N, C-alpha and C. Protein backbone atom coordinates (compact mmCIF):
# COMPACT_ATOMS: atom_id res chain seq x y z
N MET A 1 0.83 -0.79 -0.49
CA MET A 1 0.06 0.04 0.15
C MET A 1 0.69 1.13 -0.08
N PRO A 2 0.19 2.44 -1.45
CA PRO A 2 1.24 3.83 -1.03
C PRO A 2 1.18 3.93 0.25
N THR A 3 2.23 4.93 0.55
CA THR A 3 2.27 5.71 2.33
C THR A 3 2.16 7.21 1.70
N ASP A 4 1.01 7.69 2.51
CA ASP A 4 1.00 9.69 1.89
C ASP A 4 1.44 10.22 1.13
N ARG A 5 2.91 9.69 1.73
CA ARG A 5 4.34 10.17 0.35
C ARG A 5 4.28 9.93 -0.48
N GLN A 6 4.24 9.40 -0.60
CA GLN A 6 3.77 8.40 -2.45
C GLN A 6 2.67 8.24 -2.86
N GLU A 7 2.05 9.03 -2.57
CA GLU A 7 0.34 9.38 -3.66
C GLU A 7 0.57 11.10 -2.85
N ASP A 8 0.78 11.48 -3.05
CA ASP A 8 1.56 13.07 -2.55
C ASP A 8 1.46 13.11 -3.73
N ILE A 9 2.87 12.48 -4.00
CA ILE A 9 4.56 12.48 -4.95
C ILE A 9 3.65 11.70 -6.24
N LEU A 10 2.78 11.13 -6.71
CA LEU A 10 2.28 10.66 -8.00
C LEU A 10 1.23 11.29 -7.35
N ILE A 11 0.08 11.82 -7.10
CA ILE A 11 -0.47 13.34 -7.55
C ILE A 11 -0.34 14.78 -8.38
N ALA A 12 1.53 15.05 -8.00
CA ALA A 12 2.11 16.27 -8.50
C ALA A 12 2.32 15.39 -9.78
N VAL A 13 2.82 13.85 -10.04
CA VAL A 13 3.24 13.21 -11.12
C VAL A 13 1.81 13.81 -12.81
N ALA A 14 0.96 13.49 -11.70
CA ALA A 14 -0.17 13.32 -12.54
C ALA A 14 -0.32 14.87 -13.06
N LEU A 15 -0.23 16.37 -11.54
CA LEU A 15 -1.08 16.75 -12.44
C LEU A 15 0.17 17.69 -13.41
N THR A 16 1.68 17.10 -13.17
CA THR A 16 2.35 17.10 -14.13
C THR A 16 2.04 17.19 -16.16
N GLU A 17 1.85 16.14 -15.71
CA GLU A 17 0.78 14.85 -17.14
C GLU A 17 0.48 15.83 -17.03
N PHE A 18 -0.50 16.20 -16.64
CA PHE A 18 -1.75 17.29 -17.33
C PHE A 18 -1.63 17.57 -17.63
N SER A 19 -0.97 19.46 -16.91
CA SER A 19 0.10 20.57 -17.35
C SER A 19 0.43 20.82 -18.93
N VAL A 20 1.61 19.41 -18.81
CA VAL A 20 1.21 19.64 -20.07
C VAL A 20 0.99 18.83 -21.39
N HIS A 21 -0.30 18.71 -20.61
CA HIS A 21 -1.12 18.15 -21.98
C HIS A 21 -1.88 18.78 -22.57
N TYR A 22 -2.48 19.80 -21.40
CA TYR A 22 -3.87 21.32 -22.00
C TYR A 22 -2.66 22.01 -21.88
N GLU A 23 -1.59 22.42 -21.64
CA GLU A 23 -0.46 23.82 -21.96
C GLU A 23 -1.07 24.51 -23.03
N GLN A 24 -2.03 23.90 -24.43
CA GLN A 24 -2.32 23.98 -25.50
C GLN A 24 -4.51 24.94 -25.91
N ALA A 25 -4.54 23.98 -24.80
CA ALA A 25 -5.72 24.21 -25.19
C ALA A 25 -6.45 24.73 -23.66
N ASP A 26 -5.69 24.87 -22.89
CA ASP A 26 -6.34 26.01 -20.96
C ASP A 26 -4.92 26.52 -21.05
N PRO A 27 -3.86 27.16 -21.21
CA PRO A 27 -3.21 27.76 -20.79
C PRO A 27 -3.37 27.61 -19.48
N GLU A 28 -4.42 28.56 -18.31
CA GLU A 28 -4.87 29.35 -17.15
C GLU A 28 -4.86 27.49 -16.17
N LEU A 29 -5.66 27.08 -17.19
CA LEU A 29 -5.61 25.65 -16.33
C LEU A 29 -4.16 24.53 -16.72
N SER A 30 -3.71 25.00 -17.62
CA SER A 30 -2.17 24.49 -17.22
C SER A 30 -1.34 24.82 -15.83
N ARG A 31 -1.29 25.82 -16.26
CA ARG A 31 -0.72 26.72 -14.88
C ARG A 31 -1.24 25.85 -13.54
N ARG A 32 -2.75 26.22 -13.23
CA ARG A 32 -2.62 25.93 -12.04
C ARG A 32 -2.46 24.08 -11.31
N ALA A 33 -2.48 23.58 -13.25
CA ALA A 33 -2.23 22.76 -12.47
C ALA A 33 -0.35 22.00 -11.99
N TRP A 34 -0.21 22.92 -13.30
CA TRP A 34 1.66 23.08 -12.83
C TRP A 34 2.34 23.55 -11.50
N GLN A 35 1.10 24.47 -11.04
CA GLN A 35 1.30 24.72 -9.10
C GLN A 35 1.32 23.66 -8.42
N LEU A 36 -0.39 23.57 -8.79
CA LEU A 36 -0.37 22.42 -7.71
C LEU A 36 0.58 21.63 -7.20
N ALA A 37 1.23 20.79 -8.85
CA ALA A 37 2.34 19.99 -8.51
C ALA A 37 2.55 20.03 -7.87
N ALA A 38 3.55 21.64 -7.91
CA ALA A 38 4.81 22.10 -7.20
C ALA A 38 4.38 22.10 -5.88
N ASP A 39 3.66 22.48 -5.49
CA ASP A 39 3.54 22.91 -3.89
C ASP A 39 2.79 20.93 -3.33
N HIS A 40 3.30 19.37 -4.14
CA HIS A 40 3.11 19.10 -3.84
C HIS A 40 3.99 18.12 -3.77
N LEU A 41 4.98 18.75 -4.33
CA LEU A 41 5.84 18.40 -4.30
C LEU A 41 6.64 19.07 -2.87
N LEU A 42 6.89 20.19 -2.45
CA LEU A 42 7.77 21.78 -2.54
C LEU A 42 7.26 20.13 -0.70
N GLU A 43 5.78 19.99 -0.07
CA GLU A 43 5.52 19.68 0.47
C GLU A 43 6.56 18.61 0.95
N TYR A 44 7.38 17.55 -0.10
CA TYR A 44 8.54 16.44 0.95
C TYR A 44 9.21 16.95 -0.03
N ASP A 45 10.36 18.37 -0.19
CA ASP A 45 11.30 18.55 -0.83
C ASP A 45 11.89 17.48 -1.42
N VAL A 46 10.16 17.41 -2.31
CA VAL A 46 11.32 16.26 -3.80
C VAL A 46 11.58 17.21 -4.81
N GLU A 47 12.35 17.56 -5.82
CA GLU A 47 12.34 18.43 -6.81
C GLU A 47 11.38 17.87 -8.26
N PRO A 48 10.43 18.26 -9.55
CA PRO A 48 10.07 17.49 -9.40
C PRO A 48 11.00 17.11 -10.65
N ARG A 49 12.26 16.78 -11.80
CA ARG A 49 12.50 15.95 -11.58
C ARG A 49 13.27 14.34 -10.81
N GLU A 50 12.69 14.51 -9.50
CA GLU A 50 13.16 13.42 -8.91
C GLU A 50 11.86 12.80 -8.82
N ALA A 51 10.26 12.95 -8.96
CA ALA A 51 9.57 12.22 -8.21
C ALA A 51 8.93 11.21 -8.30
N ILE A 52 9.50 10.75 -10.05
CA ILE A 52 9.67 9.09 -9.91
C ILE A 52 10.14 8.73 -8.97
N GLY A 53 11.39 8.79 -9.13
CA GLY A 53 12.59 8.25 -8.40
C GLY A 53 11.75 8.12 -7.11
N ALA A 54 11.63 9.05 -6.43
CA ALA A 54 10.95 9.14 -4.71
C ALA A 54 9.71 8.32 -4.71
N LEU A 55 8.73 7.93 -5.58
CA LEU A 55 8.32 7.37 -5.45
C LEU A 55 7.97 6.08 -5.22
N GLU A 56 8.99 4.91 -5.55
CA GLU A 56 9.86 4.03 -4.79
C GLU A 56 9.62 2.94 -4.97
N ILE A 57 8.93 2.59 -6.07
CA ILE A 57 8.30 1.85 -6.93
C ILE A 57 8.82 -0.11 -6.68
N GLU A 58 7.86 -0.92 -6.39
CA GLU A 58 9.22 -2.14 -6.52
C GLU A 58 8.21 -3.02 -7.85
């Protein structure tokens, strides 16, 4: 079962993916999704480029 930290990082990864895919369609929504992702990662002191490794999925 994933920990709260892993769940929050996974949410951040999903928000980042959403942000990238909707950047052209809705820039404001994309920006808000990116900011939410960054907030989740800051909570656990994880850099965006480290997010996947921080999930520690086996």
